[in-house]
Amino acid sequence: MSTLLYLLQLASPSLPVGAYSYSEAIETLVSQEKITNAVTLERWIKAELKWGSIGLDVAIISRLYSDDSSRLDYWNSWLSAVRETQELKEQSHQMGFSLLRLISTIEPVLASQLNEQLNQEEVNFAIAYSALASYWQISVEDAILGYLHSWVSNLVAAGLKLIPLGQSEAQKILLSLAPSIIDKAQYILTTKELPYSCSWGLSLASMEHANLYSRLFRS
């Protein structure tokens, strides 16, 4: 029971890492009228779940549960290298920094261990998330499901503000995407190779985001 409470805290929208300030290019797609309603928002998120770079994050979370701690620095560098755009890289680093700062407050022993294992100032969110989830003895299966659900919830919340959607429509989207979340988690947990990412649409939309006339989100 205690690990469930830990997972709920780690995946909570109230976790002070600034996730709410990012739309991951949904703001661009709304401005271009490519996402205009609940149907198109759900279709975009479902495609990103299946083909996008979110799969790389959870793949690394899975590997960090079984890898030696000396690999932490390697996988952090790897994740930074595969970020499609500067905005997406800065998002991951900012959220990782915020989570590490929280860890130093609530779990100082873990913070000390991470300081010894990481030789980089910029830490990706998935790395810090995996470290805390493992330290709290959350199973890798639950950690991945929590990460994916939190990610989906944040993008739906962005759509709620931008399109806008009704609260009931947003909840319907979350329920509809549950099977895709489960499928992605199962694939990550059973594959022996790193999944590929085919997210050129996200890359192009993310690059355009900085040029928008007005913005609500940082990405």
N, C-alpha and C. Protein backbone atom coordinates (compact mmCIF):
# COMPACT_ATOMS: atom_id res chain seq x y z
N MET A 1 0.83 -1.20 0.00
CA MET A 1 0.00 0.00 0.00
C MET A 1 0.86 1.25 0.00
N SER A 2 1.98 1.25 0.76
CA SER A 2 2.80 2.46 0.85
C SER A 2 3.41 2.82 -0.50
N THR A 3 3.79 1.81 -1.30
CA THR A 3 4.37 2.11 -2.61
C THR A 3 3.34 2.75 -3.54
N LEU A 4 2.08 2.39 -3.41
CA LEU A 4 1.03 3.02 -4.20
C LEU A 4 0.94 4.51 -3.86
N LEU A 5 1.02 4.82 -2.57
CA LEU A 5 0.97 6.23 -2.16
C LEU A 5 2.18 6.99 -2.68
N TYR A 6 3.34 6.34 -2.67
CA TYR A 6 4.54 6.97 -3.21
C TYR A 6 4.38 7.24 -4.71
N LEU A 7 3.82 6.26 -5.42
CA LEU A 7 3.61 6.42 -6.86
C LEU A 7 2.63 7.56 -7.14
N LEU A 8 1.56 7.63 -6.37
CA LEU A 8 0.59 8.70 -6.57
C LEU A 8 1.22 10.07 -6.34
N GLN A 9 2.12 10.16 -5.38
CA GLN A 9 2.81 11.42 -5.13
C GLN A 9 3.76 11.76 -6.27
N LEU A 10 4.51 10.76 -6.74
CA LEU A 10 5.50 11.00 -7.78
C LEU A 10 4.86 11.36 -9.12
N ALA A 11 3.69 10.78 -9.40
CA ALA A 11 3.02 11.03 -10.68
C ALA A 11 1.97 12.13 -10.58
N SER A 12 1.87 12.77 -9.44
CA SER A 12 0.83 13.77 -9.21
C SER A 12 1.09 15.06 -9.99
N PRO A 13 0.02 15.70 -10.50
CA PRO A 13 0.18 17.02 -11.14
C PRO A 13 0.70 18.09 -10.17
N SER A 14 0.57 17.83 -8.86
CA SER A 14 1.03 18.80 -7.87
C SER A 14 2.53 18.68 -7.58
N LEU A 15 3.20 17.69 -8.18
CA LEU A 15 4.65 17.57 -7.99
C LEU A 15 5.30 18.85 -8.53
N PRO A 16 6.09 19.53 -7.72
CA PRO A 16 6.60 20.85 -8.12
C PRO A 16 7.78 20.80 -9.09
N VAL A 17 7.50 20.33 -10.32
CA VAL A 17 8.55 20.26 -11.33
C VAL A 17 8.25 21.13 -12.55
N GLY A 18 7.09 21.80 -12.54
CA GLY A 18 6.77 22.73 -13.62
C GLY A 18 6.21 22.11 -14.87
N ALA A 19 5.71 20.87 -14.79
CA ALA A 19 5.18 20.20 -15.99
C ALA A 19 4.03 20.97 -16.62
N TYR A 20 3.25 21.64 -15.79
CA TYR A 20 2.07 22.37 -16.28
C TYR A 20 2.41 23.50 -17.25
N SER A 21 3.67 23.93 -17.26
CA SER A 21 4.05 25.07 -18.11
C SER A 21 4.50 24.64 -19.51
N TYR A 22 4.39 23.34 -19.81
CA TYR A 22 4.82 22.82 -21.11
C TYR A 22 3.66 22.14 -21.84
N SER A 23 3.58 22.38 -23.14
CA SER A 23 2.56 21.71 -23.96
C SER A 23 3.16 20.73 -24.95
N GLU A 24 4.50 20.71 -25.05
CA GLU A 24 5.20 19.84 -26.00
C GLU A 24 4.65 20.01 -27.42
N ALA A 25 4.57 21.26 -27.85
CA ALA A 25 4.20 21.67 -29.21
C ALA A 25 2.71 21.59 -29.50
N ILE A 26 1.89 21.19 -28.55
CA ILE A 26 0.45 21.20 -28.79
C ILE A 26 -0.02 22.64 -29.03
N GLU A 27 0.61 23.59 -28.36
CA GLU A 27 0.24 25.00 -28.58
C GLU A 27 0.46 25.40 -30.04
N THR A 28 1.54 24.95 -30.64
CA THR A 28 1.79 25.23 -32.05
C THR A 28 0.71 24.61 -32.93
N LEU A 29 0.40 23.36 -32.66
CA LEU A 29 -0.57 22.63 -33.49
C LEU A 29 -1.97 23.21 -33.36
N VAL A 30 -2.31 23.74 -32.20
CA VAL A 30 -3.60 24.40 -32.03
C VAL A 30 -3.62 25.70 -32.83
N SER A 31 -2.53 26.45 -32.76
CA SER A 31 -2.46 27.71 -33.51
C SER A 31 -2.52 27.47 -35.01
N GLN A 32 -2.02 26.32 -35.48
CA GLN A 32 -2.05 25.96 -36.90
C GLN A 32 -3.35 25.26 -37.29
N GLU A 33 -4.25 25.11 -36.31
CA GLU A 33 -5.55 24.46 -36.50
C GLU A 33 -5.43 23.00 -36.95
N LYS A 34 -4.35 22.37 -36.51
CA LYS A 34 -4.18 20.93 -36.75
C LYS A 34 -4.78 20.13 -35.60
N ILE A 35 -4.81 20.73 -34.42
CA ILE A 35 -5.56 20.18 -33.29
C ILE A 35 -6.64 21.19 -32.96
N THR A 36 -7.89 20.77 -33.12
CA THR A 36 -9.01 21.71 -32.96
C THR A 36 -10.09 21.23 -32.01
N ASN A 37 -10.04 19.97 -31.62
CA ASN A 37 -11.10 19.42 -30.77
C ASN A 37 -10.58 18.19 -30.04
N ALA A 38 -11.48 17.53 -29.30
CA ALA A 38 -11.09 16.37 -28.51
C ALA A 38 -10.59 15.23 -29.39
N VAL A 39 -11.20 15.05 -30.54
CA VAL A 39 -10.83 13.94 -31.43
C VAL A 39 -9.39 14.10 -31.93
N THR A 40 -9.06 15.30 -32.41
CA THR A 40 -7.72 15.51 -32.96
C THR A 40 -6.66 15.54 -31.87
N LEU A 41 -7.02 16.02 -30.68
CA LEU A 41 -6.07 15.98 -29.56
C LEU A 41 -5.76 14.55 -29.17
N GLU A 42 -6.80 13.74 -29.04
CA GLU A 42 -6.60 12.33 -28.68
C GLU A 42 -5.79 11.61 -29.73
N ARG A 43 -6.05 11.90 -31.00
CA ARG A 43 -5.32 11.25 -32.09
C ARG A 43 -3.84 11.59 -32.03
N TRP A 44 -3.52 12.86 -31.74
CA TRP A 44 -2.12 13.28 -31.66
C TRP A 44 -1.40 12.58 -30.51
N ILE A 45 -2.01 12.60 -29.33
CA ILE A 45 -1.37 11.99 -28.17
C ILE A 45 -1.20 10.49 -28.37
N LYS A 46 -2.20 9.85 -28.96
CA LYS A 46 -2.12 8.40 -29.20
C LYS A 46 -0.97 8.07 -30.15
N ALA A 47 -0.80 8.91 -31.19
CA ALA A 47 0.29 8.69 -32.13
C ALA A 47 1.65 8.89 -31.46
N GLU A 48 1.75 9.91 -30.60
CA GLU A 48 3.00 10.15 -29.87
C GLU A 48 3.31 9.00 -28.91
N LEU A 49 2.28 8.44 -28.29
CA LEU A 49 2.48 7.29 -27.42
C LEU A 49 3.05 6.11 -28.19
N LYS A 50 2.56 5.92 -29.40
CA LYS A 50 2.97 4.76 -30.18
C LYS A 50 4.32 4.95 -30.84
N TRP A 51 4.58 6.17 -31.39
CA TRP A 51 5.76 6.36 -32.21
C TRP A 51 6.75 7.38 -31.66
N GLY A 52 6.32 8.21 -30.73
CA GLY A 52 7.10 9.37 -30.32
C GLY A 52 8.20 9.09 -29.32
N SER A 53 8.90 10.15 -28.97
CA SER A 53 10.08 10.03 -28.12
C SER A 53 9.76 9.75 -26.65
N ILE A 54 8.49 9.81 -26.26
CA ILE A 54 8.14 9.44 -24.90
C ILE A 54 8.55 7.99 -24.63
N GLY A 55 8.55 7.18 -25.69
CA GLY A 55 8.98 5.79 -25.54
C GLY A 55 10.43 5.66 -25.15
N LEU A 56 11.25 6.61 -25.57
CA LEU A 56 12.67 6.58 -25.19
C LEU A 56 12.83 6.86 -23.70
N ASP A 57 12.04 7.79 -23.18
CA ASP A 57 12.09 8.08 -21.74
C ASP A 57 11.80 6.84 -20.91
N VAL A 58 10.68 6.18 -21.22
CA VAL A 58 10.29 5.04 -20.40
C VAL A 58 11.20 3.84 -20.63
N ALA A 59 11.80 3.75 -21.82
CA ALA A 59 12.77 2.68 -22.07
C ALA A 59 13.98 2.84 -21.16
N ILE A 60 14.43 4.08 -20.98
CA ILE A 60 15.58 4.32 -20.11
C ILE A 60 15.20 4.10 -18.65
N ILE A 61 13.99 4.48 -18.26
CA ILE A 61 13.53 4.18 -16.90
C ILE A 61 13.60 2.68 -16.64
N SER A 62 13.15 1.90 -17.61
CA SER A 62 13.18 0.44 -17.47
C SER A 62 14.61 -0.07 -17.32
N ARG A 63 15.53 0.45 -18.11
CA ARG A 63 16.92 -0.01 -18.06
C ARG A 63 17.61 0.41 -16.77
N LEU A 64 17.27 1.56 -16.26
CA LEU A 64 17.92 2.02 -15.03
C LEU A 64 17.56 1.16 -13.82
N TYR A 65 16.46 0.45 -13.90
CA TYR A 65 16.09 -0.45 -12.82
C TYR A 65 17.00 -1.67 -12.76
N SER A 66 17.59 -2.02 -13.90
CA SER A 66 18.43 -3.22 -13.92
C SER A 66 19.91 -2.91 -14.13
N ASP A 67 20.24 -1.71 -14.62
CA ASP A 67 21.63 -1.36 -14.87
C ASP A 67 22.39 -1.04 -13.60
N ASP A 68 23.69 -1.18 -13.66
CA ASP A 68 24.56 -0.74 -12.58
C ASP A 68 24.48 0.78 -12.47
N SER A 69 24.64 1.29 -11.25
CA SER A 69 24.52 2.73 -11.02
C SER A 69 25.53 3.54 -11.82
N SER A 70 26.62 2.92 -12.23
CA SER A 70 27.63 3.62 -13.01
C SER A 70 27.10 4.02 -14.39
N ARG A 71 25.99 3.40 -14.82
CA ARG A 71 25.42 3.70 -16.12
C ARG A 71 24.49 4.92 -16.09
N LEU A 72 24.24 5.44 -14.91
CA LEU A 72 23.32 6.57 -14.76
C LEU A 72 23.79 7.76 -15.60
N ASP A 73 25.06 8.06 -15.52
CA ASP A 73 25.63 9.18 -16.26
C ASP A 73 25.53 8.95 -17.76
N TYR A 74 25.79 7.73 -18.19
CA TYR A 74 25.72 7.40 -19.62
C TYR A 74 24.31 7.62 -20.17
N TRP A 75 23.31 7.09 -19.49
CA TRP A 75 21.94 7.21 -19.99
C TRP A 75 21.44 8.64 -19.91
N ASN A 76 21.92 9.40 -18.96
CA ASN A 76 21.55 10.81 -18.90
C ASN A 76 22.07 11.55 -20.14
N SER A 77 23.32 11.29 -20.51
CA SER A 77 23.90 11.90 -21.71
C SER A 77 23.15 11.43 -22.95
N TRP A 78 22.78 10.17 -22.98
CA TRP A 78 22.07 9.60 -24.12
C TRP A 78 20.73 10.29 -24.32
N LEU A 79 19.98 10.48 -23.22
CA LEU A 79 18.68 11.13 -23.33
C LEU A 79 18.81 12.58 -23.80
N SER A 80 19.83 13.27 -23.31
CA SER A 80 20.04 14.66 -23.75
C SER A 80 20.33 14.71 -25.24
N ALA A 81 21.08 13.73 -25.73
CA ALA A 81 21.49 13.72 -27.14
C ALA A 81 20.32 13.45 -28.09
N VAL A 82 19.29 12.74 -27.64
CA VAL A 82 18.20 12.39 -28.56
C VAL A 82 17.03 13.35 -28.51
N ARG A 83 17.13 14.42 -27.71
CA ARG A 83 16.06 15.42 -27.70
C ARG A 83 15.97 16.10 -29.06
N GLU A 84 14.75 16.23 -29.56
CA GLU A 84 14.58 16.71 -30.93
C GLU A 84 14.89 18.19 -31.09
N THR A 85 14.56 19.00 -30.10
CA THR A 85 14.72 20.45 -30.21
C THR A 85 15.27 21.02 -28.91
N GLN A 86 15.70 22.26 -28.98
CA GLN A 86 16.22 22.93 -27.80
C GLN A 86 15.15 23.08 -26.72
N GLU A 87 13.92 23.41 -27.13
CA GLU A 87 12.84 23.57 -26.16
C GLU A 87 12.58 22.27 -25.40
N LEU A 88 12.55 21.16 -26.11
CA LEU A 88 12.27 19.87 -25.46
C LEU A 88 13.42 19.46 -24.54
N LYS A 89 14.64 19.77 -24.95
CA LYS A 89 15.79 19.48 -24.09
C LYS A 89 15.74 20.33 -22.83
N GLU A 90 15.43 21.61 -22.98
CA GLU A 90 15.36 22.49 -21.81
C GLU A 90 14.23 22.08 -20.88
N GLN A 91 13.13 21.60 -21.44
CA GLN A 91 12.02 21.11 -20.61
C GLN A 91 12.47 19.95 -19.73
N SER A 92 13.11 18.97 -20.35
CA SER A 92 13.55 17.80 -19.61
C SER A 92 14.58 18.16 -18.54
N HIS A 93 15.49 19.06 -18.88
CA HIS A 93 16.52 19.46 -17.91
C HIS A 93 15.93 20.29 -16.77
N GLN A 94 15.00 21.19 -17.10
CA GLN A 94 14.40 22.00 -16.05
C GLN A 94 13.59 21.15 -15.08
N MET A 95 12.80 20.23 -15.62
CA MET A 95 12.00 19.36 -14.76
C MET A 95 12.89 18.42 -13.95
N GLY A 96 13.98 17.96 -14.56
CA GLY A 96 14.93 17.12 -13.83
C GLY A 96 15.59 17.88 -12.70
N PHE A 97 15.99 19.13 -12.97
CA PHE A 97 16.59 19.97 -11.93
C PHE A 97 15.62 20.18 -10.77
N SER A 98 14.36 20.46 -11.10
CA SER A 98 13.36 20.70 -10.05
C SER A 98 13.11 19.46 -9.21
N LEU A 99 13.09 18.28 -9.86
CA LEU A 99 12.88 17.05 -9.10
C LEU A 99 14.09 16.74 -8.23
N LEU A 100 15.29 16.98 -8.73
CA LEU A 100 16.49 16.77 -7.92
C LEU A 100 16.49 17.69 -6.70
N ARG A 101 16.05 18.92 -6.89
CA ARG A 101 15.97 19.85 -5.77
C ARG A 101 14.97 19.36 -4.73
N LEU A 102 13.85 18.80 -5.20
CA LEU A 102 12.87 18.22 -4.27
C LEU A 102 13.46 17.02 -3.55
N ILE A 103 14.17 16.16 -4.28
CA ILE A 103 14.79 14.98 -3.67
C ILE A 103 15.76 15.39 -2.57
N SER A 104 16.52 16.46 -2.79
CA SER A 104 17.48 16.90 -1.78
C SER A 104 16.79 17.32 -0.49
N THR A 105 15.51 17.70 -0.59
CA THR A 105 14.75 18.11 0.58
C THR A 105 14.08 16.93 1.28
N ILE A 106 13.48 16.03 0.49
CA ILE A 106 12.68 14.96 1.09
C ILE A 106 13.44 13.65 1.25
N GLU A 107 14.48 13.44 0.43
CA GLU A 107 15.27 12.20 0.51
C GLU A 107 16.76 12.56 0.39
N PRO A 108 17.35 13.17 1.42
CA PRO A 108 18.75 13.61 1.33
C PRO A 108 19.75 12.49 1.10
N VAL A 109 19.47 11.29 1.58
CA VAL A 109 20.38 10.16 1.36
C VAL A 109 20.46 9.84 -0.13
N LEU A 110 19.32 9.78 -0.80
CA LEU A 110 19.29 9.54 -2.24
C LEU A 110 19.98 10.69 -2.98
N ALA A 111 19.75 11.91 -2.55
CA ALA A 111 20.38 13.06 -3.19
C ALA A 111 21.90 12.95 -3.14
N SER A 112 22.42 12.50 -2.01
CA SER A 112 23.86 12.32 -1.87
C SER A 112 24.38 11.25 -2.82
N GLN A 113 23.63 10.17 -2.95
CA GLN A 113 24.02 9.10 -3.87
C GLN A 113 24.04 9.58 -5.32
N LEU A 114 23.05 10.38 -5.69
CA LEU A 114 22.96 10.88 -7.06
C LEU A 114 24.09 11.87 -7.35
N ASN A 115 24.47 12.64 -6.36
CA ASN A 115 25.59 13.57 -6.54
C ASN A 115 26.89 12.83 -6.85
N GLU A 116 27.04 11.64 -6.28
CA GLU A 116 28.22 10.84 -6.53
C GLU A 116 28.17 10.14 -7.89
N GLN A 117 26.96 9.79 -8.34
CA GLN A 117 26.81 9.00 -9.56
C GLN A 117 26.72 9.84 -10.83
N LEU A 118 26.26 11.09 -10.69
CA LEU A 118 26.07 11.94 -11.85
C LEU A 118 27.17 12.99 -11.92
N ASN A 119 27.81 13.08 -13.06
CA ASN A 119 28.90 14.03 -13.25
C ASN A 119 28.47 15.20 -14.13
N GLN A 120 27.16 15.40 -14.28
CA GLN A 120 26.65 16.45 -15.14
C GLN A 120 25.71 17.37 -14.37
N GLU A 121 25.73 18.64 -14.72
CA GLU A 121 24.84 19.59 -14.08
C GLU A 121 23.41 19.45 -14.60
N GLU A 122 23.27 19.09 -15.87
CA GLU A 122 21.94 18.98 -16.47
C GLU A 122 21.48 17.53 -16.43
N VAL A 123 20.39 17.31 -15.73
CA VAL A 123 19.86 15.96 -15.54
C VAL A 123 18.46 15.89 -16.10
N ASN A 124 18.21 14.87 -16.91
CA ASN A 124 16.89 14.70 -17.51
C ASN A 124 15.87 14.23 -16.48
N PHE A 125 14.63 14.65 -16.69
CA PHE A 125 13.57 14.33 -15.74
C PHE A 125 13.40 12.82 -15.56
N ALA A 126 13.47 12.07 -16.66
CA ALA A 126 13.29 10.62 -16.57
C ALA A 126 14.35 9.97 -15.68
N ILE A 127 15.55 10.52 -15.67
CA ILE A 127 16.63 9.98 -14.83
C ILE A 127 16.31 10.19 -13.36
N ALA A 128 15.93 11.42 -13.01
CA ALA A 128 15.60 11.72 -11.62
C ALA A 128 14.35 10.95 -11.17
N TYR A 129 13.38 10.86 -12.06
CA TYR A 129 12.15 10.11 -11.76
C TYR A 129 12.46 8.65 -11.46
N SER A 130 13.26 8.04 -12.32
CA SER A 130 13.61 6.63 -12.13
C SER A 130 14.34 6.41 -10.81
N ALA A 131 15.25 7.33 -10.49
CA ALA A 131 16.03 7.19 -9.25
C ALA A 131 15.11 7.23 -8.03
N LEU A 132 14.17 8.17 -8.01
CA LEU A 132 13.28 8.27 -6.85
C LEU A 132 12.29 7.12 -6.81
N ALA A 133 11.77 6.71 -7.96
CA ALA A 133 10.84 5.58 -7.99
C ALA A 133 11.51 4.31 -7.48
N SER A 134 12.75 4.07 -7.90
CA SER A 134 13.48 2.89 -7.45
C SER A 134 13.78 2.97 -5.95
N TYR A 135 14.17 4.15 -5.49
CA TYR A 135 14.49 4.34 -4.07
C TYR A 135 13.27 4.09 -3.20
N TRP A 136 12.10 4.46 -3.70
CA TRP A 136 10.86 4.24 -2.96
C TRP A 136 10.31 2.82 -3.18
N GLN A 137 11.06 1.99 -3.90
CA GLN A 137 10.71 0.59 -4.15
C GLN A 137 9.40 0.45 -4.91
N ILE A 138 9.13 1.40 -5.78
CA ILE A 138 8.00 1.28 -6.70
C ILE A 138 8.43 0.32 -7.81
N SER A 139 7.59 -0.63 -8.15
CA SER A 139 7.96 -1.59 -9.20
C SER A 139 8.18 -0.87 -10.52
N VAL A 140 9.01 -1.44 -11.37
CA VAL A 140 9.28 -0.81 -12.66
C VAL A 140 8.02 -0.71 -13.50
N GLU A 141 7.14 -1.72 -13.40
CA GLU A 141 5.89 -1.69 -14.16
C GLU A 141 5.03 -0.49 -13.73
N ASP A 142 4.89 -0.30 -12.42
CA ASP A 142 4.07 0.80 -11.92
C ASP A 142 4.73 2.15 -12.19
N ALA A 143 6.05 2.19 -12.10
CA ALA A 143 6.77 3.44 -12.36
C ALA A 143 6.54 3.90 -13.80
N ILE A 144 6.59 2.97 -14.74
CA ILE A 144 6.39 3.32 -16.15
C ILE A 144 4.95 3.73 -16.41
N LEU A 145 4.00 2.99 -15.86
CA LEU A 145 2.60 3.37 -16.03
C LEU A 145 2.34 4.76 -15.44
N GLY A 146 2.91 5.04 -14.27
CA GLY A 146 2.73 6.34 -13.64
C GLY A 146 3.34 7.45 -14.48
N TYR A 147 4.52 7.20 -15.05
CA TYR A 147 5.19 8.20 -15.88
C TYR A 147 4.36 8.51 -17.12
N LEU A 148 3.89 7.47 -17.79
CA LEU A 148 3.10 7.66 -19.00
C LEU A 148 1.77 8.35 -18.72
N HIS A 149 1.11 7.94 -17.65
CA HIS A 149 -0.18 8.55 -17.31
C HIS A 149 0.00 10.02 -16.95
N SER A 150 1.05 10.33 -16.21
CA SER A 150 1.32 11.72 -15.86
C SER A 150 1.59 12.56 -17.10
N TRP A 151 2.35 12.00 -18.05
CA TRP A 151 2.67 12.69 -19.30
C TRP A 151 1.40 12.95 -20.12
N VAL A 152 0.57 11.93 -20.26
CA VAL A 152 -0.68 12.08 -21.00
C VAL A 152 -1.58 13.11 -20.32
N SER A 153 -1.70 13.03 -19.01
CA SER A 153 -2.56 13.96 -18.27
C SER A 153 -2.12 15.40 -18.48
N ASN A 154 -0.81 15.62 -18.53
CA ASN A 154 -0.30 16.97 -18.72
C ASN A 154 -0.65 17.52 -20.11
N LEU A 155 -0.55 16.67 -21.12
CA LEU A 155 -0.88 17.11 -22.48
C LEU A 155 -2.38 17.34 -22.64
N VAL A 156 -3.17 16.52 -22.00
CA VAL A 156 -4.63 16.74 -22.04
C VAL A 156 -4.97 18.05 -21.32
N ALA A 157 -4.29 18.33 -20.22
CA ALA A 157 -4.52 19.58 -19.50
C ALA A 157 -4.15 20.78 -20.36
N ALA A 158 -3.07 20.65 -21.15
CA ALA A 158 -2.69 21.72 -22.07
C ALA A 158 -3.79 21.94 -23.11
N GLY A 159 -4.31 20.84 -23.64
CA GLY A 159 -5.41 20.95 -24.60
C GLY A 159 -6.65 21.57 -23.99
N LEU A 160 -6.88 21.28 -22.73
CA LEU A 160 -8.02 21.84 -22.01
C LEU A 160 -7.96 23.37 -22.00
N LYS A 161 -6.76 23.91 -21.89
CA LYS A 161 -6.58 25.36 -21.84
C LYS A 161 -6.58 25.99 -23.23
N LEU A 162 -6.08 25.25 -24.22
CA LEU A 162 -5.83 25.84 -25.52
C LEU A 162 -6.99 25.73 -26.51
N ILE A 163 -7.76 24.66 -26.48
CA ILE A 163 -8.72 24.45 -27.57
C ILE A 163 -9.97 25.33 -27.46
N PRO A 164 -10.65 25.47 -26.35
CA PRO A 164 -10.57 24.72 -25.11
C PRO A 164 -11.50 23.51 -25.13
N LEU A 165 -11.27 22.62 -24.18
CA LEU A 165 -12.12 21.46 -23.99
C LEU A 165 -12.93 21.62 -22.71
N GLY A 166 -13.98 20.85 -22.59
CA GLY A 166 -14.68 20.75 -21.32
C GLY A 166 -13.99 19.73 -20.44
N GLN A 167 -14.22 19.83 -19.14
CA GLN A 167 -13.61 18.89 -18.20
C GLN A 167 -14.04 17.46 -18.47
N SER A 168 -15.30 17.27 -18.83
CA SER A 168 -15.79 15.91 -19.11
C SER A 168 -15.12 15.34 -20.34
N GLU A 169 -14.94 16.18 -21.38
CA GLU A 169 -14.27 15.71 -22.58
C GLU A 169 -12.83 15.30 -22.28
N ALA A 170 -12.17 16.08 -21.42
CA ALA A 170 -10.79 15.76 -21.06
C ALA A 170 -10.71 14.41 -20.36
N GLN A 171 -11.65 14.14 -19.48
CA GLN A 171 -11.66 12.85 -18.78
C GLN A 171 -11.95 11.69 -19.73
N LYS A 172 -12.78 11.93 -20.72
CA LYS A 172 -13.06 10.89 -21.72
C LYS A 172 -11.79 10.56 -22.51
N ILE A 173 -11.01 11.59 -22.83
CA ILE A 173 -9.76 11.35 -23.55
C ILE A 173 -8.82 10.49 -22.72
N LEU A 174 -8.68 10.83 -21.43
CA LEU A 174 -7.81 10.05 -20.55
C LEU A 174 -8.24 8.59 -20.50
N LEU A 175 -9.52 8.34 -20.39
CA LEU A 175 -10.02 6.97 -20.36
C LEU A 175 -9.76 6.27 -21.69
N SER A 176 -9.96 6.97 -22.78
CA SER A 176 -9.77 6.37 -24.10
C SER A 176 -8.32 6.01 -24.36
N LEU A 177 -7.39 6.77 -23.76
CA LEU A 177 -5.97 6.54 -23.99
C LEU A 177 -5.38 5.50 -23.04
N ALA A 178 -6.15 5.04 -22.07
CA ALA A 178 -5.64 4.06 -21.11
C ALA A 178 -5.11 2.80 -21.79
N PRO A 179 -5.82 2.21 -22.77
CA PRO A 179 -5.27 1.01 -23.43
C PRO A 179 -3.94 1.29 -24.14
N SER A 180 -3.80 2.48 -24.72
CA SER A 180 -2.54 2.83 -25.40
C SER A 180 -1.40 2.96 -24.40
N ILE A 181 -1.70 3.48 -23.22
CA ILE A 181 -0.69 3.58 -22.16
C ILE A 181 -0.24 2.19 -21.73
N ILE A 182 -1.19 1.31 -21.54
CA ILE A 182 -0.87 -0.06 -21.12
C ILE A 182 -0.07 -0.78 -22.20
N ASP A 183 -0.48 -0.63 -23.45
CA ASP A 183 0.24 -1.27 -24.56
C ASP A 183 1.68 -0.78 -24.63
N LYS A 184 1.89 0.53 -24.47
CA LYS A 184 3.23 1.08 -24.53
C LYS A 184 4.09 0.54 -23.39
N ALA A 185 3.53 0.51 -22.20
CA ALA A 185 4.26 0.01 -21.04
C ALA A 185 4.66 -1.46 -21.24
N GLN A 186 3.74 -2.27 -21.73
CA GLN A 186 4.02 -3.69 -21.93
C GLN A 186 5.10 -3.88 -23.00
N TYR A 187 5.04 -3.07 -24.04
CA TYR A 187 6.05 -3.17 -25.09
C TYR A 187 7.44 -2.84 -24.54
N ILE A 188 7.52 -1.76 -23.78
CA ILE A 188 8.81 -1.34 -23.22
C ILE A 188 9.37 -2.41 -22.29
N LEU A 189 8.51 -3.04 -21.53
CA LEU A 189 8.96 -4.02 -20.54
C LEU A 189 9.36 -5.35 -21.16
N THR A 190 8.91 -5.61 -22.39
CA THR A 190 9.18 -6.92 -22.99
C THR A 190 10.22 -6.86 -24.11
N THR A 191 10.44 -5.69 -24.70
CA THR A 191 11.42 -5.61 -25.78
C THR A 191 12.84 -5.62 -25.24
N LYS A 192 13.75 -6.20 -25.98
CA LYS A 192 15.15 -6.27 -25.56
C LYS A 192 15.99 -5.16 -26.17
N GLU A 193 15.41 -4.47 -27.14
CA GLU A 193 16.15 -3.41 -27.81
C GLU A 193 15.51 -2.05 -27.49
N LEU A 194 16.31 -1.00 -27.63
CA LEU A 194 15.76 0.34 -27.46
C LEU A 194 14.73 0.60 -28.55
N PRO A 195 13.56 1.12 -28.19
CA PRO A 195 12.56 1.42 -29.21
C PRO A 195 13.01 2.60 -30.06
N TYR A 196 12.54 2.64 -31.28
CA TYR A 196 12.87 3.77 -32.12
C TYR A 196 11.84 4.88 -31.92
N SER A 197 12.19 6.06 -32.33
CA SER A 197 11.30 7.20 -32.23
C SER A 197 11.11 7.79 -33.62
N CYS A 198 9.87 7.99 -34.00
CA CYS A 198 9.56 8.62 -35.29
C CYS A 198 8.65 9.81 -35.01
N SER A 199 9.24 10.91 -34.57
CA SER A 199 8.45 12.05 -34.12
C SER A 199 8.84 13.33 -34.84
N TRP A 200 8.97 13.23 -36.17
CA TRP A 200 9.35 14.43 -36.92
C TRP A 200 8.27 15.49 -36.86
N GLY A 201 7.01 15.07 -36.71
CA GLY A 201 5.92 16.05 -36.56
C GLY A 201 6.09 16.87 -35.30
N LEU A 202 6.46 16.20 -34.22
CA LEU A 202 6.73 16.90 -32.97
C LEU A 202 7.92 17.83 -33.13
N SER A 203 8.95 17.38 -33.81
CA SER A 203 10.15 18.19 -34.00
C SER A 203 9.82 19.49 -34.73
N LEU A 204 9.08 19.38 -35.83
CA LEU A 204 8.75 20.56 -36.62
C LEU A 204 7.86 21.52 -35.83
N ALA A 205 6.87 20.97 -35.15
CA ALA A 205 5.96 21.82 -34.36
C ALA A 205 6.70 22.48 -33.21
N SER A 206 7.62 21.74 -32.60
CA SER A 206 8.39 22.30 -31.49
C SER A 206 9.28 23.44 -31.96
N MET A 207 9.91 23.28 -33.12
CA MET A 207 10.77 24.34 -33.65
C MET A 207 9.97 25.60 -33.99
N GLU A 208 8.73 25.42 -34.40
CA GLU A 208 7.88 26.56 -34.74
C GLU A 208 7.36 27.28 -33.50
N HIS A 209 7.34 26.61 -32.38
CA HIS A 209 6.73 27.17 -31.18
C HIS A 209 7.35 28.50 -30.78
N ALA A 210 8.66 28.61 -30.88
CA ALA A 210 9.35 29.84 -30.48
C ALA A 210 8.94 31.04 -31.33
N ASN A 211 8.37 30.78 -32.51
CA ASN A 211 8.01 31.86 -33.42
C ASN A 211 6.55 32.29 -33.30
N LEU A 212 5.81 31.66 -32.40
CA LEU A 212 4.41 32.04 -32.24
C LEU A 212 4.29 33.48 -31.74
N TYR A 213 3.26 34.17 -32.16
CA TYR A 213 3.07 35.57 -31.78
C TYR A 213 2.88 35.71 -30.27
N SER A 214 2.06 34.83 -29.71
CA SER A 214 1.86 34.82 -28.27
C SER A 214 1.82 33.38 -27.78
N ARG A 215 2.28 33.17 -26.55
CA ARG A 215 2.40 31.82 -26.04
C ARG A 215 1.93 31.73 -24.59
N LEU A 216 1.25 30.65 -24.28
CA LEU A 216 0.87 30.34 -22.90
C LEU A 216 1.89 29.40 -22.26
N PHE A 217 2.57 28.60 -23.10
CA PHE A 217 3.43 27.53 -22.61
C PHE A 217 4.88 27.76 -23.03
N ARG A 218 5.78 27.09 -22.34
CA ARG A 218 7.21 27.22 -22.61
C ARG A 218 7.68 26.28 -23.73
N SER A 219 6.84 25.36 -24.12
CA SER A 219 7.19 24.47 -25.24
C SER A 219 5.95 24.12 -26.04
